[in-house]
């Protein structure tokens, strides 16, 4: 979570010039949109990790652990495909 917070602060520093200056031209607007998408992607990835940790802690037998791993891998693959589609 610290890495996410540091990334957010660094990204905010990059776009703060655009918001302070007033009007945002096309290039700056594109950067702001990119940063917003980046933050959304980081948040969704962190949510998948948190869900995995919670489900893994609840698993008692090895078959449940394997099912959790498969579900998490599927979630991550779907999220990565969504990220690829959004960035294209």
PDB file of N, CA and C in Angstrom:
ATOM      1  N   UNK A   1       0.817  -1.188   0.000  1.00  0.00           N
ATOM      2  CA  UNK A   1       0.000   0.000   0.000  1.00  0.00           C
ATOM      3  C   UNK A   1       0.868   1.262   0.000  1.00  0.00           C
ATOM      4  N   UNK A   2       2.068   1.165   0.616  1.00  0.00           N
ATOM      5  CA  UNK A   2       2.960   2.320   0.623  1.00  0.00           C
ATOM      6  C   UNK A   2       3.390   2.676  -0.785  1.00  0.00           C
ATOM      7  N   UNK A   3       3.656   1.634  -1.612  1.00  0.00           N
ATOM      8  CA  UNK A   3       4.069   1.884  -2.995  1.00  0.00           C
ATOM      9  C   UNK A   3       2.979   2.613  -3.752  1.00  0.00           C
ATOM     10  N   UNK A   4       1.724   2.208  -3.536  1.00  0.00           N
ATOM     11  CA  UNK A   4       0.604   2.868  -4.200  1.00  0.00           C
ATOM     12  C   UNK A   4       0.519   4.328  -3.787  1.00  0.00           C
ATOM     13  N   UNK A   5       0.686   4.594  -2.491  1.00  0.00           N
ATOM     14  CA  UNK A   5       0.621   5.971  -1.996  1.00  0.00           C
ATOM     15  C   UNK A   5       1.757   6.803  -2.585  1.00  0.00           C
ATOM     16  N   UNK A   6       2.954   6.227  -2.658  1.00  0.00           N
ATOM     17  CA  UNK A   6       4.082   6.960  -3.238  1.00  0.00           C
ATOM     18  C   UNK A   6       3.867   7.242  -4.715  1.00  0.00           C
ATOM     19  N   UNK A   7       3.316   6.252  -5.432  1.00  0.00           N
ATOM     20  CA  UNK A   7       3.014   6.459  -6.849  1.00  0.00           C
ATOM     21  C   UNK A   7       1.989   7.569  -7.011  1.00  0.00           C
ATOM     22  N   UNK A   8       0.980   7.560  -6.157  1.00  0.00           N
ATOM     23  CA  UNK A   8      -0.059   8.578  -6.238  1.00  0.00           C
ATOM     24  C   UNK A   8       0.527   9.970  -6.000  1.00  0.00           C
ATOM     25  N   UNK A   9       1.387  10.104  -4.999  1.00  0.00           N
ATOM     26  CA  UNK A   9       2.009  11.400  -4.708  1.00  0.00           C
ATOM     27  C   UNK A   9       2.877  11.857  -5.878  1.00  0.00           C
ATOM     28  N   UNK A  10       3.653  10.934  -6.446  1.00  0.00           N
ATOM     29  CA  UNK A  10       4.509  11.294  -7.566  1.00  0.00           C
ATOM     30  C   UNK A  10       3.689  11.722  -8.777  1.00  0.00           C
ATOM     31  N   UNK A  11       2.622  10.999  -9.036  1.00  0.00           N
ATOM     32  CA  UNK A  11       1.772  11.325 -10.169  1.00  0.00           C
ATOM     33  C   UNK A  11       1.060  12.648  -9.927  1.00  0.00           C
ATOM     34  N   UNK A  12       0.614  12.861  -8.725  1.00  0.00           N
ATOM     35  CA  UNK A  12      -0.068  14.115  -8.401  1.00  0.00           C
ATOM     36  C   UNK A  12       0.883  15.295  -8.591  1.00  0.00           C
ATOM     37  N   UNK A  13       2.133  15.125  -8.232  1.00  0.00           N
ATOM     38  CA  UNK A  13       3.111  16.191  -8.428  1.00  0.00           C
ATOM     39  C   UNK A  13       3.278  16.514  -9.907  1.00  0.00           C
ATOM     40  N   UNK A  14       3.204  15.489 -10.759  1.00  0.00           N
ATOM     41  CA  UNK A  14       3.349  15.710 -12.199  1.00  0.00           C
ATOM     42  C   UNK A  14       2.179  16.498 -12.783  1.00  0.00           C
ATOM     43  N   UNK A  15       0.976  16.246 -12.276  1.00  0.00           N
ATOM     44  CA  UNK A  15      -0.189  16.908 -12.862  1.00  0.00           C
ATOM     45  C   UNK A  15      -0.592  18.175 -12.130  1.00  0.00           C
ATOM     46  N   UNK A  16       0.040  18.458 -11.001  1.00  0.00           N
ATOM     47  CA  UNK A  16      -0.361  19.633 -10.230  1.00  0.00           C
ATOM     48  C   UNK A  16      -0.137  20.926 -11.006  1.00  0.00           C
ATOM     49  N   UNK A  17       0.882  20.970 -11.862  1.00  0.00           N
ATOM     50  CA  UNK A  17       1.118  22.156 -12.684  1.00  0.00           C
ATOM     51  C   UNK A  17      -0.092  22.453 -13.553  1.00  0.00           C
ATOM     52  N   UNK A  18      -0.711  21.415 -14.079  1.00  0.00           N
ATOM     53  CA  UNK A  18      -1.853  21.602 -14.967  1.00  0.00           C
ATOM     54  C   UNK A  18      -3.041  22.170 -14.215  1.00  0.00           C
ATOM     55  N   UNK A  19      -3.279  21.716 -13.006  1.00  0.00           N
ATOM     56  CA  UNK A  19      -4.446  22.192 -12.272  1.00  0.00           C
ATOM     57  C   UNK A  19      -4.215  23.585 -11.708  1.00  0.00           C
ATOM     58  N   UNK A  20      -2.992  23.905 -11.327  1.00  0.00           N
ATOM     59  CA  UNK A  20      -2.689  25.226 -10.793  1.00  0.00           C
ATOM     60  C   UNK A  20      -2.757  26.271 -11.893  1.00  0.00           C
ATOM     61  N   UNK A  21      -2.311  25.939 -13.072  1.00  0.00           N
ATOM     62  CA  UNK A  21      -2.250  26.894 -14.170  1.00  0.00           C
ATOM     63  C   UNK A  21      -3.632  27.316 -14.648  1.00  0.00           C
ATOM     64  N   UNK A  22      -4.653  26.558 -14.311  1.00  0.00           N
ATOM     65  CA  UNK A  22      -5.998  26.923 -14.757  1.00  0.00           C
ATOM     66  C   UNK A  22      -6.451  26.009 -15.863  1.00  0.00           C
ATOM     67  N   UNK A  23      -6.538  26.557 -17.060  1.00  0.00           N
ATOM     68  CA  UNK A  23      -7.021  25.773 -18.200  1.00  0.00           C
ATOM     69  C   UNK A  23      -6.010  24.696 -18.576  1.00  0.00           C
ATOM     70  N   UNK A  24      -6.539  23.514 -18.883  1.00  0.00           N
ATOM     71  CA  UNK A  24      -5.692  22.394 -19.265  1.00  0.00           C
ATOM     72  C   UNK A  24      -5.799  22.219 -20.770  1.00  0.00           C
ATOM     73  N   UNK A  25      -4.671  22.305 -21.455  1.00  0.00           N
ATOM     74  CA  UNK A  25      -4.720  22.110 -22.900  1.00  0.00           C
ATOM     75  C   UNK A  25      -4.783  20.623 -23.227  1.00  0.00           C
ATOM     76  N   UNK A  26      -4.853  20.283 -24.497  1.00  0.00           N
ATOM     77  CA  UNK A  26      -5.055  18.899 -24.938  1.00  0.00           C
ATOM     78  C   UNK A  26      -3.989  17.940 -24.457  1.00  0.00           C
ATOM     79  N   UNK A  27      -2.727  18.344 -24.517  1.00  0.00           N
ATOM     80  CA  UNK A  27      -1.636  17.454 -24.105  1.00  0.00           C
ATOM     81  C   UNK A  27      -1.709  17.160 -22.613  1.00  0.00           C
ATOM     82  N   UNK A  28      -1.950  18.178 -21.838  1.00  0.00           N
ATOM     83  CA  UNK A  28      -2.047  17.978 -20.389  1.00  0.00           C
ATOM     84  C   UNK A  28      -3.282  17.174 -20.025  1.00  0.00           C
ATOM     85  N   UNK A  29      -4.367  17.384 -20.748  1.00  0.00           N
ATOM     86  CA  UNK A  29      -5.585  16.613 -20.489  1.00  0.00           C
ATOM     87  C   UNK A  29      -5.354  15.128 -20.765  1.00  0.00           C
ATOM     88  N   UNK A  30      -4.579  14.843 -21.806  1.00  0.00           N
ATOM     89  CA  UNK A  30      -4.264  13.446 -22.113  1.00  0.00           C
ATOM     90  C   UNK A  30      -3.417  12.832 -21.007  1.00  0.00           C
ATOM     91  N   UNK A  31      -2.483  13.594 -20.460  1.00  0.00           N
ATOM     92  CA  UNK A  31      -1.660  13.081 -19.362  1.00  0.00           C
ATOM     93  C   UNK A  31      -2.500  12.837 -18.119  1.00  0.00           C
ATOM     94  N   UNK A  32      -3.417  13.740 -17.837  1.00  0.00           N
ATOM     95  CA  UNK A  32      -4.292  13.574 -16.677  1.00  0.00           C
ATOM     96  C   UNK A  32      -5.168  12.334 -16.848  1.00  0.00           C
ATOM     97  N   UNK A  33      -5.694  12.122 -18.043  1.00  0.00           N
ATOM     98  CA  UNK A  33      -6.511  10.932 -18.301  1.00  0.00           C
ATOM     99  C   UNK A  33      -5.678   9.665 -18.129  1.00  0.00           C
ATOM    100  N   UNK A  34      -4.437   9.692 -18.608  1.00  0.00           N
ATOM    101  CA  UNK A  34      -3.555   8.541 -18.456  1.00  0.00           C
ATOM    102  C   UNK A  34      -3.280   8.251 -16.985  1.00  0.00           C
ATOM    103  N   UNK A  35      -3.009   9.294 -16.223  1.00  0.00           N
ATOM    104  CA  UNK A  35      -2.722   9.126 -14.798  1.00  0.00           C
ATOM    105  C   UNK A  35      -3.950   8.580 -14.068  1.00  0.00           C
ATOM    106  N   UNK A  36      -5.125   9.088 -14.400  1.00  0.00           N
ATOM    107  CA  UNK A  36      -6.340   8.571 -13.774  1.00  0.00           C
ATOM    108  C   UNK A  36      -6.520   7.092 -14.065  1.00  0.00           C
ATOM    109  N   UNK A  37      -6.253   6.673 -15.285  1.00  0.00           N
ATOM    110  CA  UNK A  37      -6.360   5.260 -15.647  1.00  0.00           C
ATOM    111  C   UNK A  37      -5.309   4.440 -14.909  1.00  0.00           C
ATOM    112  N   UNK A  38      -4.101   4.962 -14.790  1.00  0.00           N
ATOM    113  CA  UNK A  38      -3.039   4.271 -14.071  1.00  0.00           C
ATOM    114  C   UNK A  38      -3.428   4.041 -12.614  1.00  0.00           C
ATOM    115  N   UNK A  39      -3.981   5.048 -11.986  1.00  0.00           N
ATOM    116  CA  UNK A  39      -4.398   4.927 -10.586  1.00  0.00           C
ATOM    117  C   UNK A  39      -5.533   3.919 -10.456  1.00  0.00           C
ATOM    118  N   UNK A  40      -6.471   3.906 -11.399  1.00  0.00           N
ATOM    119  CA  UNK A  40      -7.562   2.935 -11.361  1.00  0.00           C
ATOM    120  C   UNK A  40      -7.010   1.516 -11.469  1.00  0.00           C
ATOM    121  N   UNK A  41      -6.043   1.332 -12.364  1.00  0.00           N
ATOM    122  CA  UNK A  41      -5.440   0.020 -12.539  1.00  0.00           C
ATOM    123  C   UNK A  41      -4.711  -0.433 -11.279  1.00  0.00           C
ATOM    124  N   UNK A  42      -3.985   0.483 -10.650  1.00  0.00           N
ATOM    125  CA  UNK A  42      -3.279   0.134  -9.417  1.00  0.00           C
ATOM    126  C   UNK A  42      -4.249  -0.252  -8.307  1.00  0.00           C
ATOM    127  N   UNK A  43      -5.349   0.478  -8.211  1.00  0.00           N
ATOM    128  CA  UNK A  43      -6.346   0.181  -7.181  1.00  0.00           C
ATOM    129  C   UNK A  43      -7.002  -1.176  -7.420  1.00  0.00           C
ATOM    130  N   UNK A  44      -7.322  -1.487  -8.657  1.00  0.00           N
ATOM    131  CA  UNK A  44      -7.970  -2.770  -8.940  1.00  0.00           C
ATOM    132  C   UNK A  44      -7.012  -3.934  -8.697  1.00  0.00           C
ATOM    133  N   UNK A  45      -5.741  -3.763  -9.036  1.00  0.00           N
ATOM    134  CA  UNK A  45      -4.747  -4.804  -8.774  1.00  0.00           C
ATOM    135  C   UNK A  45      -4.574  -5.020  -7.276  1.00  0.00           C
ATOM    136  N   UNK A  46      -4.542  -3.944  -6.516  1.00  0.00           N
ATOM    137  CA  UNK A  46      -4.415  -4.058  -5.068  1.00  0.00           C
ATOM    138  C   UNK A  46      -5.633  -4.753  -4.470  1.00  0.00           C
ATOM    139  N   UNK A  47      -6.804  -4.474  -5.009  1.00  0.00           N
ATOM    140  CA  UNK A  47      -8.023  -5.125  -4.527  1.00  0.00           C
ATOM    141  C   UNK A  47      -7.968  -6.635  -4.778  1.00  0.00           C
ATOM    142  N   UNK A  48      -7.450  -7.044  -5.921  1.00  0.00           N
ATOM    143  CA  UNK A  48      -7.304  -8.474  -6.215  1.00  0.00           C
ATOM    144  C   UNK A  48      -6.329  -9.116  -5.229  1.00  0.00           C
ATOM    145  N   UNK A  49      -5.231  -8.433  -4.950  1.00  0.00           N
ATOM    146  CA  UNK A  49      -4.257  -8.961  -3.985  1.00  0.00           C
ATOM    147  C   UNK A  49      -4.867  -9.099  -2.597  1.00  0.00           C
ATOM    148  N   UNK A  50      -5.618  -8.091  -2.166  1.00  0.00           N
ATOM    149  CA  UNK A  50      -6.256  -8.143  -0.853  1.00  0.00           C
ATOM    150  C   UNK A  50      -7.264  -9.281  -0.765  1.00  0.00           C
ATOM    151  N   UNK A  51      -8.042  -9.458  -1.826  1.00  0.00           N
ATOM    152  CA  UNK A  51      -9.015 -10.551  -1.867  1.00  0.00           C
ATOM    153  C   UNK A  51      -8.313 -11.896  -1.787  1.00  0.00           C
ATOM    154  N   UNK A  52      -7.207 -12.042  -2.515  1.00  0.00           N
ATOM    155  CA  UNK A  52      -6.439 -13.288  -2.479  1.00  0.00           C
ATOM    156  C   UNK A  52      -5.931 -13.579  -1.073  1.00  0.00           C
ATOM    157  N   UNK A  53      -5.366 -12.575  -0.424  1.00  0.00           N
ATOM    158  CA  UNK A  53      -4.830 -12.779   0.925  1.00  0.00           C
ATOM    159  C   UNK A  53      -5.930 -13.197   1.896  1.00  0.00           C
ATOM    160  N   UNK A  54      -7.088 -12.574   1.778  1.00  0.00           N
ATOM    161  CA  UNK A  54      -8.216 -12.903   2.657  1.00  0.00           C
ATOM    162  C   UNK A  54      -8.698 -14.327   2.402  1.00  0.00           C
ATOM    163  N   UNK A  55      -8.885 -14.680   1.133  1.00  0.00           N
ATOM    164  CA  UNK A  55      -9.374 -16.018   0.800  1.00  0.00           C
ATOM    165  C   UNK A  55      -8.350 -17.083   1.153  1.00  0.00           C
ATOM    166  N   UNK A  56      -7.075 -16.792   0.961  1.00  0.00           N
ATOM    167  CA  UNK A  56      -6.031 -17.761   1.276  1.00  0.00           C
ATOM    168  C   UNK A  56      -5.970 -18.028   2.780  1.00  0.00           C
ATOM    169  N   UNK A  57      -6.181 -16.996   3.582  1.00  0.00           N
ATOM    170  CA  UNK A  57      -6.167 -17.170   5.029  1.00  0.00           C
ATOM    171  C   UNK A  57      -7.338 -18.039   5.502  1.00  0.00           C
ATOM    172  N   UNK A  58      -8.436 -18.008   4.760  1.00  0.00           N
ATOM    173  CA  UNK A  58      -9.621 -18.786   5.143  1.00  0.00           C
ATOM    174  C   UNK A  58      -9.545 -20.242   4.692  1.00  0.00           C
ATOM    175  N   UNK A  59      -8.676 -20.551   3.731  1.00  0.00           N
ATOM    176  CA  UNK A  59      -8.582 -21.914   3.200  1.00  0.00           C
ATOM    177  C   UNK A  59      -7.930 -22.847   4.213  1.00  0.00           C
ATOM    178  N   UNK A  60      -8.546 -24.019   4.397  1.00  0.00           N
ATOM    179  CA  UNK A  60      -8.028 -25.000   5.354  1.00  0.00           C
ATOM    180  C   UNK A  60      -7.368 -26.195   4.673  1.00  0.00           C
ATOM    181  N   UNK A  61      -7.899 -26.602   3.535  1.00  0.00           N
ATOM    182  CA  UNK A  61      -7.351 -27.778   2.865  1.00  0.00           C
ATOM    183  C   UNK A  61      -6.713 -27.369   1.536  1.00  0.00           C
ATOM    184  N   UNK A  62      -5.855 -28.248   1.038  1.00  0.00           N
ATOM    185  CA  UNK A  62      -5.066 -27.895  -0.147  1.00  0.00           C
ATOM    186  C   UNK A  62      -5.928 -27.692  -1.401  1.00  0.00           C
ATOM    187  N   UNK A  63      -7.042 -28.420  -1.525  1.00  0.00           N
ATOM    188  CA  UNK A  63      -7.885 -28.227  -2.702  1.00  0.00           C
ATOM    189  C   UNK A  63      -8.534 -26.840  -2.692  1.00  0.00           C
ATOM    190  N   UNK A  64      -8.877 -26.339  -1.507  1.00  0.00           N
ATOM    191  CA  UNK A  64      -9.406 -24.979  -1.407  1.00  0.00           C
ATOM    192  C   UNK A  64      -8.336 -23.954  -1.768  1.00  0.00           C
ATOM    193  N   UNK A  65      -7.111 -24.215  -1.353  1.00  0.00           N
ATOM    194  CA  UNK A  65      -6.012 -23.298  -1.679  1.00  0.00           C
ATOM    195  C   UNK A  65      -5.784 -23.243  -3.184  1.00  0.00           C
ATOM    196  N   UNK A  66      -5.836 -24.396  -3.824  1.00  0.00           N
ATOM    197  CA  UNK A  66      -5.633 -24.445  -5.278  1.00  0.00           C
ATOM    198  C   UNK A  66      -6.765 -23.719  -5.997  1.00  0.00           C
ATOM    199  N   UNK A  67      -7.992 -23.902  -5.532  1.00  0.00           N
ATOM    200  CA  UNK A  67      -9.126 -23.206  -6.140  1.00  0.00           C
ATOM    201  C   UNK A  67      -8.977 -21.695  -5.991  1.00  0.00           C
ATOM    202  N   UNK A  68      -8.486 -21.254  -4.834  1.00  0.00           N
ATOM    203  CA  UNK A  68      -8.260 -19.821  -4.613  1.00  0.00           C
ATOM    204  C   UNK A  68      -7.191 -19.292  -5.561  1.00  0.00           C
ATOM    205  N   UNK A  69      -6.150 -20.052  -5.759  1.00  0.00           N
ATOM    206  CA  UNK A  69      -5.073 -19.639  -6.669  1.00  0.00           C
ATOM    207  C   UNK A  69      -5.601 -19.527  -8.099  1.00  0.00           C
ATOM    208  N   UNK A  70      -6.396 -20.497  -8.522  1.00  0.00           N
ATOM    209  CA  UNK A  70      -6.951 -20.469  -9.884  1.00  0.00           C
ATOM    210  C   UNK A  70      -7.890 -19.280 -10.057  1.00  0.00           C
ATOM    211  N   UNK A  71      -8.772 -19.053  -9.072  1.00  0.00           N
ATOM    212  CA  UNK A  71      -9.690 -17.903  -9.147  1.00  0.00           C
ATOM    213  C   UNK A  71      -8.928 -16.590  -9.220  1.00  0.00           C
ATOM    214  N   UNK A  72      -7.904 -16.452  -8.393  1.00  0.00           N
ATOM    215  CA  UNK A  72      -7.120 -15.219  -8.378  1.00  0.00           C
ATOM    216  C   UNK A  72      -6.377 -15.025  -9.692  1.00  0.00           C
ATOM    217  N   UNK A  73      -5.811 -16.098 -10.224  1.00  0.00           N
ATOM    218  CA  UNK A  73      -5.116 -15.992 -11.511  1.00  0.00           C
ATOM    219  C   UNK A  73      -6.077 -15.587 -12.617  1.00  0.00           C
ATOM    220  N   UNK A  74      -7.291 -16.126 -12.579  1.00  0.00           N
ATOM    221  CA  UNK A  74      -8.297 -15.754 -13.572  1.00  0.00           C
ATOM    222  C   UNK A  74      -8.670 -14.290 -13.435  1.00  0.00           C
ATOM    223  N   UNK A  75      -8.869 -13.841 -12.202  1.00  0.00           N
ATOM    224  CA  UNK A  75      -9.189 -12.422 -11.971  1.00  0.00           C
ATOM    225  C   UNK A  75      -8.072 -11.523 -12.489  1.00  0.00           C
ATOM    226  N   UNK A  76      -6.837 -11.909 -12.201  1.00  0.00           N
ATOM    227  CA  UNK A  76      -5.696 -11.096 -12.625  1.00  0.00           C
ATOM    228  C   UNK A  76      -5.587 -11.067 -14.150  1.00  0.00           C
ATOM    229  N   UNK A  77      -5.790 -12.207 -14.792  1.00  0.00           N
ATOM    230  CA  UNK A  77      -5.745 -12.242 -16.261  1.00  0.00           C
ATOM    231  C   UNK A  77      -6.829 -11.365 -16.873  1.00  0.00           C
ATOM    232  N   UNK A  78      -8.028 -11.422 -16.327  1.00  0.00           N
ATOM    233  CA  UNK A  78      -9.110 -10.579 -16.839  1.00  0.00           C
ATOM    234  C   UNK A  78      -8.801  -9.101 -16.633  1.00  0.00           C
ATOM    235  N   UNK A  79      -8.252  -8.767 -15.491  1.00  0.00           N
ATOM    236  CA  UNK A  79      -7.903  -7.374 -15.209  1.00  0.00           C
ATOM    237  C   UNK A  79      -6.783  -6.895 -16.135  1.00  0.00           C
ATOM    238  N   UNK A  80      -5.794  -7.735 -16.366  1.00  0.00           N
ATOM    239  CA  UNK A  80      -4.712  -7.359 -17.271  1.00  0.00           C
ATOM    240  C   UNK A  80      -5.228  -7.157 -18.692  1.00  0.00           C
ATOM    241  N   UNK A  81      -6.140  -8.007 -19.130  1.00  0.00           N
ATOM    242  CA  UNK A  81      -6.717  -7.836 -20.464  1.00  0.00           C
ATOM    243  C   UNK A  81      -7.516  -6.544 -20.544  1.00  0.00           C
ATOM    244  N   UNK A  82      -8.242  -6.226 -19.480  1.00  0.00           N
ATOM    245  CA  UNK A  82      -8.977  -4.956 -19.437  1.00  0.00           C
ATOM    246  C   UNK A  82      -8.015  -3.775 -19.514  1.00  0.00           C
ATOM    247  N   UNK A  83      -6.915  -3.848 -18.791  1.00  0.00           N
ATOM    248  CA  UNK A  83      -5.907  -2.777 -18.818  1.00  0.00           C
ATOM    249  C   UNK A  83      -5.324  -2.621 -20.221  1.00  0.00           C
ATOM    250  N   UNK A  84      -5.020  -3.720 -20.868  1.00  0.00           N
ATOM    251  CA  UNK A  84      -4.469  -3.664 -22.212  1.00  0.00           C
ATOM    252  C   UNK A  84      -5.468  -3.007 -23.167  1.00  0.00           C
ATOM    253  N   UNK A  85      -6.739  -3.401 -23.066  1.00  0.00           N
ATOM    254  CA  UNK A  85      -7.768  -2.830 -23.939  1.00  0.00           C
ATOM    255  C   UNK A  85      -7.943  -1.339 -23.690  1.00  0.00           C
ATOM    256  N   UNK A  86      -7.901  -0.915 -22.422  1.00  0.00           N
ATOM    257  CA  UNK A  86      -8.083   0.499 -22.086  1.00  0.00           C
ATOM    258  C   UNK A  86      -6.918   1.349 -22.604  1.00  0.00           C
ATOM    259  N   UNK A  87      -5.714   0.821 -22.523  1.00  0.00           N
ATOM    260  CA  UNK A  87      -4.558   1.580 -22.947  1.00  0.00           C
ATOM    261  C   UNK A  87      -4.417   1.641 -24.468  1.00  0.00           C
ATOM    262  N   UNK A  88      -5.022   0.706 -25.154  1.00  0.00           N
ATOM    263  CA  UNK A  88      -4.979   0.760 -26.619  1.00  0.00           C
ATOM    264  C   UNK A  88      -6.031   1.731 -27.090  1.00  0.00           C
TER     265      UNK A  88
END
